[in-house]
């Protein structure tokens, strides 16, 4: 089923997809990943990540 996304929501989801890949395949810290994705505030990155994945970046890394 298709869902309509705003451009900003699409970009956010693509950034989180990239963050998920980095969490699974690198030893970069969560703050380094957030910076690479253009997030200035780590808590904003964490909130965005949790909104899309229903888990924090740290919990995602532990699980995968």
N, C-alpha and C. Protein backbone atom coordinates (compact mmCIF):
# COMPACT_ATOMS: atom_id res chain seq x y z
N UNK A 1 0.84 -1.17 0.00
CA UNK A 1 0.00 0.00 0.00
C UNK A 1 0.89 1.24 0.00
N UNK A 2 0.61 2.14 -0.87
CA UNK A 2 1.35 3.40 -0.96
C UNK A 2 0.87 4.36 0.10
N UNK A 3 1.76 5.18 0.58
CA UNK A 3 1.36 6.26 1.48
C UNK A 3 2.01 7.54 0.99
N UNK A 4 1.31 8.60 1.14
CA UNK A 4 1.78 9.88 0.67
C UNK A 4 2.67 10.53 1.72
N UNK A 5 3.89 10.88 1.31
CA UNK A 5 4.85 11.51 2.22
C UNK A 5 5.19 12.91 1.72
N UNK A 6 5.41 13.79 2.66
CA UNK A 6 5.95 15.10 2.28
C UNK A 6 7.42 14.90 1.91
N UNK A 7 7.98 15.87 1.23
CA UNK A 7 9.39 15.79 0.86
C UNK A 7 10.25 15.68 2.11
N UNK A 8 9.96 16.48 3.13
CA UNK A 8 10.78 16.43 4.34
C UNK A 8 10.66 15.08 5.05
N UNK A 9 9.49 14.49 5.07
CA UNK A 9 9.32 13.17 5.68
C UNK A 9 10.07 12.10 4.89
N UNK A 10 10.03 12.20 3.57
CA UNK A 10 10.76 11.26 2.71
C UNK A 10 12.26 11.34 3.01
N UNK A 11 12.78 12.56 3.08
CA UNK A 11 14.21 12.76 3.35
C UNK A 11 14.56 12.21 4.73
N UNK A 12 13.71 12.49 5.72
CA UNK A 12 13.96 11.97 7.07
C UNK A 12 14.01 10.45 7.07
N UNK A 13 13.09 9.81 6.37
CA UNK A 13 13.07 8.35 6.34
C UNK A 13 14.30 7.79 5.64
N UNK A 14 14.75 8.44 4.58
CA UNK A 14 15.96 7.99 3.89
C UNK A 14 17.19 8.16 4.79
N UNK A 15 17.25 9.25 5.54
CA UNK A 15 18.36 9.44 6.48
C UNK A 15 18.36 8.35 7.54
N UNK A 16 17.20 8.01 8.04
CA UNK A 16 17.11 6.97 9.07
C UNK A 16 17.47 5.61 8.47
N UNK A 17 17.08 5.35 7.24
CA UNK A 17 17.49 4.10 6.57
C UNK A 17 19.02 4.01 6.50
N UNK A 18 19.66 5.13 6.17
CA UNK A 18 21.12 5.16 6.10
C UNK A 18 21.72 4.98 7.49
N UNK A 19 21.12 5.60 8.48
CA UNK A 19 21.58 5.46 9.86
C UNK A 19 21.48 3.99 10.30
N UNK A 20 20.40 3.33 9.95
CA UNK A 20 20.24 1.92 10.30
C UNK A 20 21.35 1.08 9.69
N UNK A 21 21.68 1.36 8.43
CA UNK A 21 22.76 0.63 7.78
C UNK A 21 24.09 0.89 8.49
N UNK A 22 24.36 2.15 8.84
CA UNK A 22 25.60 2.48 9.53
C UNK A 22 25.66 1.82 10.91
N UNK A 23 24.54 1.77 11.60
CA UNK A 23 24.50 1.13 12.92
C UNK A 23 24.79 -0.37 12.82
N UNK A 24 24.33 -0.99 11.74
CA UNK A 24 24.54 -2.43 11.56
C UNK A 24 25.95 -2.76 11.08
N UNK A 25 26.57 -1.87 10.30
CA UNK A 25 27.78 -2.25 9.59
C UNK A 25 29.05 -1.52 10.01
N UNK A 26 28.94 -0.55 10.92
CA UNK A 26 30.13 0.19 11.34
C UNK A 26 30.21 0.23 12.86
N UNK A 27 31.34 0.72 13.35
CA UNK A 27 31.51 0.94 14.78
C UNK A 27 31.41 2.43 15.11
N UNK A 28 30.89 3.22 14.19
CA UNK A 28 30.71 4.65 14.46
C UNK A 28 29.79 4.84 15.65
N UNK A 29 30.06 5.85 16.44
CA UNK A 29 29.16 6.14 17.56
C UNK A 29 27.85 6.72 17.03
N UNK A 30 26.84 6.69 17.86
CA UNK A 30 25.55 7.26 17.47
C UNK A 30 25.70 8.75 17.17
N UNK A 31 26.49 9.44 17.95
CA UNK A 31 26.67 10.88 17.70
C UNK A 31 27.42 11.12 16.39
N UNK A 32 28.38 10.27 16.04
CA UNK A 32 29.06 10.41 14.75
C UNK A 32 28.10 10.17 13.59
N UNK A 33 27.24 9.19 13.73
CA UNK A 33 26.25 8.91 12.70
C UNK A 33 25.29 10.09 12.56
N UNK A 34 24.83 10.61 13.67
CA UNK A 34 23.93 11.76 13.64
C UNK A 34 24.58 12.94 12.92
N UNK A 35 25.84 13.20 13.22
CA UNK A 35 26.56 14.30 12.56
C UNK A 35 26.70 14.05 11.07
N UNK A 36 27.01 12.84 10.67
CA UNK A 36 27.13 12.52 9.24
C UNK A 36 25.82 12.77 8.49
N UNK A 37 24.72 12.59 9.19
CA UNK A 37 23.41 12.78 8.57
C UNK A 37 22.92 14.22 8.65
N UNK A 38 23.70 15.09 9.27
CA UNK A 38 23.34 16.49 9.32
C UNK A 38 22.56 16.92 10.54
N UNK A 39 22.44 16.04 11.51
CA UNK A 39 21.75 16.40 12.75
C UNK A 39 22.74 17.13 13.65
N UNK A 40 22.37 18.29 14.12
CA UNK A 40 23.21 19.06 15.03
C UNK A 40 22.97 18.60 16.47
N UNK A 41 21.74 18.24 16.75
CA UNK A 41 21.32 17.88 18.10
C UNK A 41 21.11 16.36 18.17
N UNK A 42 21.87 15.68 19.02
CA UNK A 42 21.76 14.22 19.14
C UNK A 42 20.38 13.79 19.60
N UNK A 43 19.77 14.54 20.50
CA UNK A 43 18.44 14.15 20.98
C UNK A 43 17.40 14.28 19.87
N UNK A 44 17.58 15.21 18.95
CA UNK A 44 16.66 15.33 17.81
C UNK A 44 16.81 14.12 16.88
N UNK A 45 18.06 13.70 16.65
CA UNK A 45 18.29 12.50 15.85
C UNK A 45 17.65 11.28 16.51
N UNK A 46 17.87 11.12 17.81
CA UNK A 46 17.31 9.99 18.53
C UNK A 46 15.79 9.98 18.46
N UNK A 47 15.17 11.15 18.63
CA UNK A 47 13.71 11.25 18.55
C UNK A 47 13.21 10.90 17.16
N UNK A 48 13.89 11.38 16.13
CA UNK A 48 13.50 11.06 14.74
C UNK A 48 13.65 9.57 14.47
N UNK A 49 14.76 9.00 14.94
CA UNK A 49 15.02 7.57 14.75
C UNK A 49 13.93 6.75 15.43
N UNK A 50 13.61 7.12 16.66
CA UNK A 50 12.61 6.37 17.43
C UNK A 50 11.21 6.52 16.81
N UNK A 51 10.91 7.69 16.27
CA UNK A 51 9.61 7.91 15.63
C UNK A 51 9.41 6.95 14.46
N UNK A 52 10.47 6.68 13.72
CA UNK A 52 10.36 5.85 12.53
C UNK A 52 10.53 4.36 12.84
N UNK A 53 11.42 4.02 13.77
CA UNK A 53 11.74 2.61 14.02
C UNK A 53 11.12 2.04 15.30
N UNK A 54 10.59 2.92 16.14
CA UNK A 54 10.04 2.52 17.44
C UNK A 54 11.09 1.98 18.41
N UNK A 55 12.35 2.35 18.16
CA UNK A 55 13.42 2.02 19.10
C UNK A 55 14.53 3.06 18.98
N UNK A 56 15.33 3.15 20.01
CA UNK A 56 16.44 4.11 19.97
C UNK A 56 17.56 3.55 19.09
N UNK A 57 18.46 4.41 18.63
CA UNK A 57 19.60 3.90 17.85
C UNK A 57 20.43 2.88 18.61
N UNK A 58 20.64 3.09 19.90
CA UNK A 58 21.42 2.14 20.70
C UNK A 58 20.72 0.78 20.75
N UNK A 59 19.42 0.78 21.00
CA UNK A 59 18.68 -0.49 21.03
C UNK A 59 18.65 -1.15 19.66
N UNK A 60 18.57 -0.35 18.60
CA UNK A 60 18.60 -0.91 17.24
C UNK A 60 19.93 -1.61 17.01
N UNK A 61 21.02 -0.98 17.39
CA UNK A 61 22.35 -1.58 17.19
C UNK A 61 22.47 -2.89 17.98
N UNK A 62 21.98 -2.90 19.21
CA UNK A 62 22.04 -4.12 20.02
C UNK A 62 21.25 -5.25 19.38
N UNK A 63 20.09 -4.92 18.82
CA UNK A 63 19.21 -5.94 18.24
C UNK A 63 19.77 -6.48 16.94
N UNK A 64 20.40 -5.61 16.13
CA UNK A 64 20.87 -6.02 14.80
C UNK A 64 22.37 -6.03 14.73
